[in-house]
Amino acid sequence: MTENPDFFDLIRQYAPNIINKVPYANTLGFELVDLEPGKAIARAPYKPETIGDIETGIIHGGVVTALLDNVSGVSVIAALSEMKSTATLDLRIDYMRPAEVGRDIIAEAECYHMTRTVAFTRAWAYHESRDRVIATASGSFALNTIKGFPTNTGEGS
C-alpha cells in the first residue's frame, strides 16, 4: 500500500481525472470529494437525467452502482505504491433502500487488501453517514503494470 508521500502526491493529482475525465462519470456528474491512502470519497449529484422511476423521482440504481464502482477503483489507485492500471473483476452490490429524491449521494470506499495482481475493496453509498446506507459494495480489481510509466520498472508485465 502507499507509503511514499511523493508518490501519493502524484496519485492525488491523477485521481480526480478518473472521475472528471471518464466520459460516463463526467456525464453523471461524479466528483471526487476526498482522497487518503487507500480511501476515496466521491459524490453524485441528484440530476433529473438520472431518475429511474418517473413517478417517484428516485435515481436509477445503475447510478449508485457506477458511483460505487468508480470510487472503489479510485481507492485502489490511492493504495498503490507504483502506478498500475485497474479494471473491475467483480463488484457485488447490496441495496438497502432507495436514494432520497432531490438529494446527492455520497460514496466512500476503502482498499483493504492488495496482492500483486488483485486489489479488494469495500464501499458504502449514503446521504449523511454510513449509519443509514443506500447500498454497500465489495469488489475486486485487476492490477496491471503500465509499461513505460515513469515510476514503473516494467517488471512483472
N, C-alpha and C. Protein backbone atom coordinates (compact mmCIF):
# COMPACT_ATOMS: atom_id res chain seq x y z
N MET A 1 0.83 -1.18 0.00
CA MET A 1 0.00 0.00 0.00
C MET A 1 0.88 1.25 0.00
N THR A 2 0.29 2.38 -0.31
CA THR A 2 1.01 3.64 -0.45
C THR A 2 1.77 3.98 0.83
N GLU A 3 3.08 4.14 0.71
CA GLU A 3 3.90 4.57 1.84
C GLU A 3 4.74 5.79 1.48
N ASN A 4 4.96 6.02 0.20
CA ASN A 4 5.79 7.12 -0.27
C ASN A 4 4.93 8.37 -0.45
N PRO A 5 5.18 9.43 0.39
CA PRO A 5 4.35 10.64 0.29
C PRO A 5 4.46 11.33 -1.07
N ASP A 6 5.64 11.28 -1.71
CA ASP A 6 5.79 11.89 -3.03
C ASP A 6 4.94 11.16 -4.07
N PHE A 7 4.90 9.82 -3.98
CA PHE A 7 4.09 9.05 -4.92
C PHE A 7 2.60 9.33 -4.67
N PHE A 8 2.20 9.44 -3.39
CA PHE A 8 0.80 9.73 -3.11
C PHE A 8 0.42 11.11 -3.63
N ASP A 9 1.34 12.07 -3.61
CA ASP A 9 1.06 13.38 -4.20
C ASP A 9 0.77 13.24 -5.69
N LEU A 10 1.51 12.36 -6.37
CA LEU A 10 1.25 12.09 -7.79
C LEU A 10 -0.15 11.48 -7.95
N ILE A 11 -0.48 10.54 -7.08
CA ILE A 11 -1.82 9.92 -7.12
C ILE A 11 -2.89 10.97 -6.88
N ARG A 12 -2.66 11.85 -5.91
CA ARG A 12 -3.63 12.90 -5.58
C ARG A 12 -3.89 13.79 -6.81
N GLN A 13 -2.88 14.02 -7.62
CA GLN A 13 -3.05 14.83 -8.83
C GLN A 13 -3.79 14.05 -9.92
N TYR A 14 -3.52 12.74 -10.00
CA TYR A 14 -4.07 11.90 -11.06
C TYR A 14 -5.51 11.46 -10.78
N ALA A 15 -5.84 11.15 -9.53
CA ALA A 15 -7.12 10.54 -9.18
C ALA A 15 -8.35 11.33 -9.64
N PRO A 16 -8.38 12.66 -9.53
CA PRO A 16 -9.58 13.36 -10.00
C PRO A 16 -9.88 13.13 -11.48
N ASN A 17 -8.85 12.85 -12.28
CA ASN A 17 -9.07 12.59 -13.71
C ASN A 17 -9.92 11.35 -13.94
N ILE A 18 -9.84 10.39 -13.03
CA ILE A 18 -10.62 9.16 -13.18
C ILE A 18 -12.10 9.48 -13.12
N ILE A 19 -12.44 10.45 -12.31
CA ILE A 19 -13.84 10.83 -12.20
C ILE A 19 -14.19 11.96 -13.17
N ASN A 20 -13.34 12.94 -13.26
CA ASN A 20 -13.66 14.13 -14.06
C ASN A 20 -13.48 13.95 -15.56
N LYS A 21 -12.63 13.02 -15.99
CA LYS A 21 -12.36 12.89 -17.42
C LYS A 21 -12.92 11.62 -18.04
N VAL A 22 -13.37 10.68 -17.24
CA VAL A 22 -14.00 9.48 -17.79
C VAL A 22 -15.41 9.89 -18.24
N PRO A 23 -15.74 9.71 -19.51
CA PRO A 23 -17.00 10.25 -20.04
C PRO A 23 -18.26 9.89 -19.25
N TYR A 24 -18.46 8.62 -18.89
CA TYR A 24 -19.71 8.28 -18.19
C TYR A 24 -19.76 8.93 -16.82
N ALA A 25 -18.63 8.97 -16.10
CA ALA A 25 -18.61 9.58 -14.77
C ALA A 25 -18.83 11.09 -14.87
N ASN A 26 -18.27 11.68 -15.90
CA ASN A 26 -18.46 13.11 -16.13
C ASN A 26 -19.92 13.41 -16.46
N THR A 27 -20.51 12.60 -17.32
CA THR A 27 -21.91 12.78 -17.70
C THR A 27 -22.84 12.66 -16.48
N LEU A 28 -22.52 11.72 -15.59
CA LEU A 28 -23.33 11.53 -14.40
C LEU A 28 -23.03 12.58 -13.33
N GLY A 29 -21.97 13.36 -13.52
CA GLY A 29 -21.64 14.44 -12.60
C GLY A 29 -20.84 14.04 -11.38
N PHE A 30 -20.20 12.87 -11.42
CA PHE A 30 -19.41 12.42 -10.27
C PHE A 30 -18.29 13.40 -9.96
N GLU A 31 -18.03 13.55 -8.68
CA GLU A 31 -16.97 14.45 -8.23
C GLU A 31 -16.20 13.80 -7.09
N LEU A 32 -14.86 13.81 -7.18
CA LEU A 32 -14.02 13.30 -6.09
C LEU A 32 -14.02 14.34 -4.98
N VAL A 33 -14.39 13.91 -3.77
CA VAL A 33 -14.52 14.81 -2.63
C VAL A 33 -13.30 14.75 -1.73
N ASP A 34 -12.76 13.55 -1.49
CA ASP A 34 -11.62 13.39 -0.60
C ASP A 34 -10.83 12.16 -1.01
N LEU A 35 -9.54 12.20 -0.70
CA LEU A 35 -8.64 11.10 -1.04
C LEU A 35 -7.60 10.97 0.05
N GLU A 36 -7.44 9.77 0.56
CA GLU A 36 -6.40 9.42 1.52
C GLU A 36 -5.77 8.13 1.02
N PRO A 37 -4.62 7.74 1.55
CA PRO A 37 -4.05 6.46 1.12
C PRO A 37 -5.05 5.31 1.32
N GLY A 38 -5.42 4.66 0.24
CA GLY A 38 -6.34 3.52 0.28
C GLY A 38 -7.80 3.86 0.47
N LYS A 39 -8.16 5.15 0.48
CA LYS A 39 -9.55 5.55 0.70
C LYS A 39 -9.93 6.68 -0.25
N ALA A 40 -11.20 6.67 -0.65
CA ALA A 40 -11.71 7.73 -1.53
C ALA A 40 -13.17 8.01 -1.19
N ILE A 41 -13.56 9.26 -1.38
CA ILE A 41 -14.95 9.67 -1.21
C ILE A 41 -15.34 10.46 -2.45
N ALA A 42 -16.51 10.14 -3.01
CA ALA A 42 -17.00 10.83 -4.20
C ALA A 42 -18.48 11.16 -4.00
N ARG A 43 -18.97 12.03 -4.88
CA ARG A 43 -20.35 12.49 -4.80
C ARG A 43 -20.99 12.39 -6.17
N ALA A 44 -22.26 11.99 -6.18
CA ALA A 44 -23.09 12.01 -7.39
C ALA A 44 -24.24 12.98 -7.12
N PRO A 45 -24.35 14.02 -7.91
CA PRO A 45 -25.44 14.97 -7.67
C PRO A 45 -26.78 14.38 -8.13
N TYR A 46 -27.83 14.82 -7.49
CA TYR A 46 -29.17 14.46 -7.95
C TYR A 46 -29.41 15.23 -9.25
N LYS A 47 -29.71 14.51 -10.32
CA LYS A 47 -29.97 15.13 -11.62
C LYS A 47 -31.23 14.51 -12.22
N PRO A 48 -32.10 15.31 -12.78
CA PRO A 48 -33.31 14.74 -13.41
C PRO A 48 -32.98 13.69 -14.48
N GLU A 49 -31.84 13.84 -15.14
CA GLU A 49 -31.46 12.89 -16.19
C GLU A 49 -31.14 11.50 -15.65
N THR A 50 -30.92 11.37 -14.33
CA THR A 50 -30.55 10.07 -13.77
C THR A 50 -31.71 9.40 -13.04
N ILE A 51 -32.91 9.98 -13.13
CA ILE A 51 -34.08 9.38 -12.49
C ILE A 51 -34.42 8.06 -13.17
N GLY A 52 -34.67 7.05 -12.35
CA GLY A 52 -35.03 5.73 -12.87
C GLY A 52 -36.52 5.46 -12.80
N ASP A 53 -37.22 6.13 -11.91
CA ASP A 53 -38.66 5.95 -11.76
C ASP A 53 -39.31 7.33 -11.85
N ILE A 54 -39.94 7.60 -12.97
CA ILE A 54 -40.51 8.92 -13.24
C ILE A 54 -41.58 9.29 -12.21
N GLU A 55 -42.35 8.31 -11.75
CA GLU A 55 -43.43 8.60 -10.79
C GLU A 55 -42.90 9.04 -9.43
N THR A 56 -41.78 8.44 -8.99
CA THR A 56 -41.25 8.76 -7.65
C THR A 56 -40.09 9.76 -7.69
N GLY A 57 -39.38 9.85 -8.82
CA GLY A 57 -38.22 10.73 -8.92
C GLY A 57 -36.95 10.13 -8.33
N ILE A 58 -36.96 8.84 -8.05
CA ILE A 58 -35.80 8.18 -7.45
C ILE A 58 -34.73 7.92 -8.51
N ILE A 59 -33.49 8.19 -8.14
CA ILE A 59 -32.34 7.96 -9.04
C ILE A 59 -32.23 6.47 -9.35
N HIS A 60 -31.90 6.16 -10.58
CA HIS A 60 -31.73 4.78 -11.04
C HIS A 60 -30.61 4.10 -10.26
N GLY A 61 -30.82 2.84 -9.91
CA GLY A 61 -29.81 2.07 -9.18
C GLY A 61 -28.50 1.94 -9.92
N GLY A 62 -28.53 2.02 -11.24
CA GLY A 62 -27.30 1.95 -12.02
C GLY A 62 -26.36 3.10 -11.72
N VAL A 63 -26.91 4.26 -11.35
CA VAL A 63 -26.08 5.40 -10.99
C VAL A 63 -25.34 5.09 -9.69
N VAL A 64 -26.03 4.48 -8.74
CA VAL A 64 -25.41 4.10 -7.48
C VAL A 64 -24.31 3.06 -7.73
N THR A 65 -24.60 2.08 -8.57
CA THR A 65 -23.61 1.06 -8.91
C THR A 65 -22.39 1.69 -9.57
N ALA A 66 -22.61 2.56 -10.53
CA ALA A 66 -21.49 3.21 -11.23
C ALA A 66 -20.66 4.04 -10.26
N LEU A 67 -21.31 4.75 -9.35
CA LEU A 67 -20.59 5.55 -8.36
C LEU A 67 -19.75 4.66 -7.45
N LEU A 68 -20.33 3.58 -6.95
CA LEU A 68 -19.59 2.67 -6.08
C LEU A 68 -18.42 2.01 -6.80
N ASP A 69 -18.62 1.63 -8.05
CA ASP A 69 -17.54 1.04 -8.85
C ASP A 69 -16.42 2.06 -9.05
N ASN A 70 -16.79 3.27 -9.42
CA ASN A 70 -15.81 4.31 -9.70
C ASN A 70 -15.00 4.67 -8.45
N VAL A 71 -15.67 4.91 -7.34
CA VAL A 71 -14.96 5.31 -6.12
C VAL A 71 -14.13 4.14 -5.57
N SER A 72 -14.58 2.92 -5.78
CA SER A 72 -13.78 1.76 -5.37
C SER A 72 -12.48 1.68 -6.17
N GLY A 73 -12.57 1.90 -7.48
CA GLY A 73 -11.37 1.92 -8.31
C GLY A 73 -10.40 3.01 -7.89
N VAL A 74 -10.93 4.17 -7.52
CA VAL A 74 -10.07 5.26 -7.06
C VAL A 74 -9.40 4.89 -5.74
N SER A 75 -10.11 4.19 -4.84
CA SER A 75 -9.49 3.77 -3.58
C SER A 75 -8.34 2.80 -3.83
N VAL A 76 -8.46 1.97 -4.86
CA VAL A 76 -7.36 1.07 -5.22
C VAL A 76 -6.17 1.89 -5.69
N ILE A 77 -6.40 2.84 -6.56
CA ILE A 77 -5.31 3.68 -7.06
C ILE A 77 -4.65 4.43 -5.91
N ALA A 78 -5.45 4.86 -4.93
CA ALA A 78 -4.92 5.58 -3.77
C ALA A 78 -4.11 4.67 -2.84
N ALA A 79 -4.21 3.36 -3.03
CA ALA A 79 -3.45 2.41 -2.21
C ALA A 79 -2.17 1.92 -2.88
N LEU A 80 -1.98 2.27 -4.15
CA LEU A 80 -0.83 1.75 -4.90
C LEU A 80 0.49 2.34 -4.42
N SER A 81 1.55 1.56 -4.60
CA SER A 81 2.89 2.06 -4.33
C SER A 81 3.66 2.32 -5.62
N GLU A 82 3.08 1.92 -6.75
CA GLU A 82 3.55 2.29 -8.07
C GLU A 82 2.33 2.34 -8.99
N MET A 83 2.41 3.15 -10.03
CA MET A 83 1.24 3.34 -10.89
C MET A 83 0.94 2.05 -11.65
N LYS A 84 -0.32 1.65 -11.58
CA LYS A 84 -0.81 0.49 -12.32
C LYS A 84 -2.19 0.83 -12.85
N SER A 85 -2.60 0.12 -13.89
CA SER A 85 -3.96 0.28 -14.36
C SER A 85 -4.84 -0.67 -13.55
N THR A 86 -6.11 -0.32 -13.43
CA THR A 86 -7.05 -1.16 -12.70
C THR A 86 -8.25 -1.47 -13.59
N ALA A 87 -8.84 -2.60 -13.34
CA ALA A 87 -10.06 -2.99 -14.04
C ALA A 87 -10.91 -3.79 -13.08
N THR A 88 -12.20 -3.51 -13.07
CA THR A 88 -13.11 -4.23 -12.17
C THR A 88 -13.21 -5.69 -12.60
N LEU A 89 -12.93 -6.58 -11.65
CA LEU A 89 -13.12 -8.01 -11.88
C LEU A 89 -14.50 -8.44 -11.40
N ASP A 90 -14.87 -7.95 -10.23
CA ASP A 90 -16.14 -8.34 -9.62
C ASP A 90 -16.62 -7.21 -8.73
N LEU A 91 -17.91 -6.94 -8.75
CA LEU A 91 -18.49 -5.93 -7.88
C LEU A 91 -19.85 -6.44 -7.43
N ARG A 92 -19.99 -6.61 -6.13
CA ARG A 92 -21.26 -7.07 -5.56
C ARG A 92 -21.91 -5.89 -4.85
N ILE A 93 -23.15 -5.62 -5.19
CA ILE A 93 -23.89 -4.51 -4.60
C ILE A 93 -25.06 -5.07 -3.79
N ASP A 94 -25.23 -4.56 -2.59
CA ASP A 94 -26.42 -4.85 -1.78
C ASP A 94 -27.14 -3.52 -1.59
N TYR A 95 -28.37 -3.45 -2.11
CA TYR A 95 -29.18 -2.24 -1.96
C TYR A 95 -30.00 -2.35 -0.68
N MET A 96 -29.91 -1.32 0.16
CA MET A 96 -30.63 -1.31 1.43
C MET A 96 -31.93 -0.51 1.35
N ARG A 97 -31.89 0.59 0.59
CA ARG A 97 -33.05 1.48 0.46
C ARG A 97 -32.82 2.38 -0.75
N PRO A 98 -33.87 2.96 -1.29
CA PRO A 98 -33.66 3.89 -2.41
C PRO A 98 -33.04 5.20 -1.92
N ALA A 99 -32.33 5.85 -2.81
CA ALA A 99 -31.83 7.19 -2.50
C ALA A 99 -33.03 8.13 -2.37
N GLU A 100 -32.88 9.16 -1.58
CA GLU A 100 -33.98 10.10 -1.38
C GLU A 100 -34.02 11.10 -2.54
N VAL A 101 -35.22 11.43 -2.96
CA VAL A 101 -35.45 12.32 -4.09
C VAL A 101 -34.84 13.70 -3.80
N GLY A 102 -34.11 14.22 -4.78
CA GLY A 102 -33.55 15.56 -4.68
C GLY A 102 -32.26 15.66 -3.91
N ARG A 103 -31.71 14.54 -3.46
CA ARG A 103 -30.51 14.58 -2.64
C ARG A 103 -29.32 13.94 -3.33
N ASP A 104 -28.15 14.55 -3.16
CA ASP A 104 -26.92 13.98 -3.69
C ASP A 104 -26.59 12.69 -2.94
N ILE A 105 -25.81 11.84 -3.60
CA ILE A 105 -25.36 10.59 -2.99
C ILE A 105 -23.85 10.68 -2.76
N ILE A 106 -23.43 10.30 -1.58
CA ILE A 106 -22.01 10.24 -1.24
C ILE A 106 -21.61 8.77 -1.29
N ALA A 107 -20.43 8.48 -1.80
CA ALA A 107 -19.91 7.11 -1.78
C ALA A 107 -18.50 7.14 -1.22
N GLU A 108 -18.25 6.21 -0.34
CA GLU A 108 -16.96 6.10 0.33
C GLU A 108 -16.44 4.69 0.07
N ALA A 109 -15.15 4.56 -0.24
CA ALA A 109 -14.58 3.24 -0.50
C ALA A 109 -13.21 3.13 0.14
N GLU A 110 -12.87 1.90 0.49
CA GLU A 110 -11.53 1.62 1.00
C GLU A 110 -10.98 0.37 0.34
N CYS A 111 -9.71 0.43 0.02
CA CYS A 111 -9.00 -0.75 -0.48
C CYS A 111 -8.38 -1.40 0.76
N TYR A 112 -8.89 -2.56 1.14
CA TYR A 112 -8.46 -3.16 2.40
C TYR A 112 -7.44 -4.28 2.24
N HIS A 113 -7.22 -4.76 1.02
CA HIS A 113 -6.22 -5.82 0.81
C HIS A 113 -5.74 -5.77 -0.63
N MET A 114 -4.46 -6.03 -0.81
CA MET A 114 -3.90 -6.00 -2.16
C MET A 114 -2.87 -7.11 -2.31
N THR A 115 -2.98 -7.82 -3.42
CA THR A 115 -1.93 -8.78 -3.79
C THR A 115 -1.17 -8.14 -4.96
N ARG A 116 -0.28 -8.88 -5.55
CA ARG A 116 0.48 -8.33 -6.68
C ARG A 116 -0.42 -8.04 -7.87
N THR A 117 -1.51 -8.80 -8.02
CA THR A 117 -2.34 -8.67 -9.23
C THR A 117 -3.82 -8.34 -8.97
N VAL A 118 -4.25 -8.37 -7.71
CA VAL A 118 -5.66 -8.11 -7.41
C VAL A 118 -5.77 -7.25 -6.14
N ALA A 119 -6.71 -6.28 -6.17
CA ALA A 119 -7.00 -5.45 -5.00
C ALA A 119 -8.45 -5.69 -4.61
N PHE A 120 -8.73 -5.58 -3.30
CA PHE A 120 -10.06 -5.85 -2.77
C PHE A 120 -10.58 -4.60 -2.05
N THR A 121 -11.87 -4.29 -2.28
CA THR A 121 -12.45 -3.06 -1.75
C THR A 121 -13.78 -3.32 -1.04
N ARG A 122 -14.13 -2.33 -0.19
CA ARG A 122 -15.46 -2.24 0.41
C ARG A 122 -15.93 -0.81 0.17
N ALA A 123 -17.24 -0.64 -0.04
CA ALA A 123 -17.74 0.71 -0.30
C ALA A 123 -19.16 0.86 0.23
N TRP A 124 -19.54 2.12 0.46
CA TRP A 124 -20.84 2.46 1.00
C TRP A 124 -21.38 3.68 0.28
N ALA A 125 -22.67 3.68 -0.03
CA ALA A 125 -23.35 4.85 -0.60
C ALA A 125 -24.38 5.32 0.43
N TYR A 126 -24.44 6.63 0.63
CA TYR A 126 -25.33 7.17 1.66
C TYR A 126 -25.60 8.65 1.39
N HIS A 127 -26.44 9.26 2.22
CA HIS A 127 -26.67 10.71 2.13
C HIS A 127 -25.84 11.45 3.17
N GLU A 128 -25.99 11.13 4.45
CA GLU A 128 -25.25 11.84 5.50
C GLU A 128 -24.13 11.00 6.12
N SER A 129 -24.45 9.74 6.41
CA SER A 129 -23.45 8.92 7.09
C SER A 129 -23.65 7.45 6.75
N ARG A 130 -22.63 6.67 7.06
CA ARG A 130 -22.70 5.23 6.82
C ARG A 130 -23.65 4.54 7.80
N ASP A 131 -24.20 5.29 8.75
CA ASP A 131 -25.17 4.70 9.69
C ASP A 131 -26.48 4.34 8.99
N ARG A 132 -26.75 5.00 7.87
CA ARG A 132 -28.00 4.75 7.12
C ARG A 132 -27.65 4.68 5.64
N VAL A 133 -27.15 3.52 5.22
CA VAL A 133 -26.65 3.38 3.86
C VAL A 133 -27.77 3.12 2.86
N ILE A 134 -27.51 3.57 1.64
CA ILE A 134 -28.37 3.29 0.50
C ILE A 134 -27.98 1.93 -0.07
N ALA A 135 -26.65 1.72 -0.17
CA ALA A 135 -26.13 0.46 -0.71
C ALA A 135 -24.71 0.24 -0.20
N THR A 136 -24.31 -1.02 -0.17
CA THR A 136 -22.94 -1.37 0.13
C THR A 136 -22.38 -2.16 -1.05
N ALA A 137 -21.06 -2.21 -1.14
CA ALA A 137 -20.43 -2.95 -2.24
C ALA A 137 -19.14 -3.59 -1.75
N SER A 138 -18.81 -4.70 -2.37
CA SER A 138 -17.49 -5.30 -2.21
C SER A 138 -17.01 -5.61 -3.62
N GLY A 139 -15.73 -5.35 -3.84
CA GLY A 139 -15.21 -5.53 -5.19
C GLY A 139 -13.81 -6.07 -5.23
N SER A 140 -13.46 -6.57 -6.38
CA SER A 140 -12.08 -6.97 -6.65
C SER A 140 -11.67 -6.34 -7.98
N PHE A 141 -10.42 -5.90 -8.04
CA PHE A 141 -9.91 -5.16 -9.18
C PHE A 141 -8.58 -5.75 -9.63
N ALA A 142 -8.46 -5.95 -10.94
CA ALA A 142 -7.20 -6.42 -11.51
C ALA A 142 -6.19 -5.28 -11.48
N LEU A 143 -4.95 -5.62 -11.22
CA LEU A 143 -3.86 -4.64 -11.24
C LEU A 143 -2.91 -5.03 -12.35
N ASN A 144 -2.62 -4.10 -13.24
CA ASN A 144 -1.73 -4.36 -14.37
C ASN A 144 -0.68 -3.27 -14.47
N THR A 145 0.55 -3.70 -14.71
CA THR A 145 1.65 -2.75 -14.89
C THR A 145 1.41 -1.92 -16.14
N ILE A 146 1.73 -0.64 -16.04
CA ILE A 146 1.64 0.25 -17.19
C ILE A 146 3.05 0.38 -17.75
N LYS A 147 3.29 -0.26 -18.87
CA LYS A 147 4.62 -0.20 -19.48
C LYS A 147 4.96 1.23 -19.86
N GLY A 148 6.16 1.64 -19.52
CA GLY A 148 6.62 2.96 -19.91
C GLY A 148 6.23 4.06 -18.97
N PHE A 149 5.42 3.76 -17.92
CA PHE A 149 5.07 4.82 -16.97
C PHE A 149 6.33 5.16 -16.19
N PRO A 150 6.66 6.44 -16.02
CA PRO A 150 7.94 6.86 -15.44
C PRO A 150 8.32 6.23 -14.10
N THR A 151 7.36 5.94 -13.23
CA THR A 151 7.70 5.40 -11.92
C THR A 151 7.74 3.88 -11.90
N ASN A 152 7.43 3.22 -13.02
CA ASN A 152 7.40 1.76 -13.06
C ASN A 152 8.63 1.21 -13.75
N THR A 153 9.05 0.04 -13.28
CA THR A 153 10.22 -0.61 -13.86
C THR A 153 9.84 -1.46 -15.06
N GLY A 154 8.55 -1.79 -15.19
CA GLY A 154 8.11 -2.64 -16.28
C GLY A 154 8.24 -4.11 -15.95
N GLU A 155 8.80 -4.43 -14.77
CA GLU A 155 8.92 -5.83 -14.36
C GLU A 155 7.55 -6.40 -14.03
N GLY A 156 7.37 -7.65 -14.24
CA GLY A 156 6.12 -8.31 -13.91
C GLY A 156 5.02 -8.09 -14.93
N SER A 157 5.35 -7.48 -16.07
CA SER A 157 4.30 -7.27 -17.07
C SER A 157 4.12 -8.48 -17.93
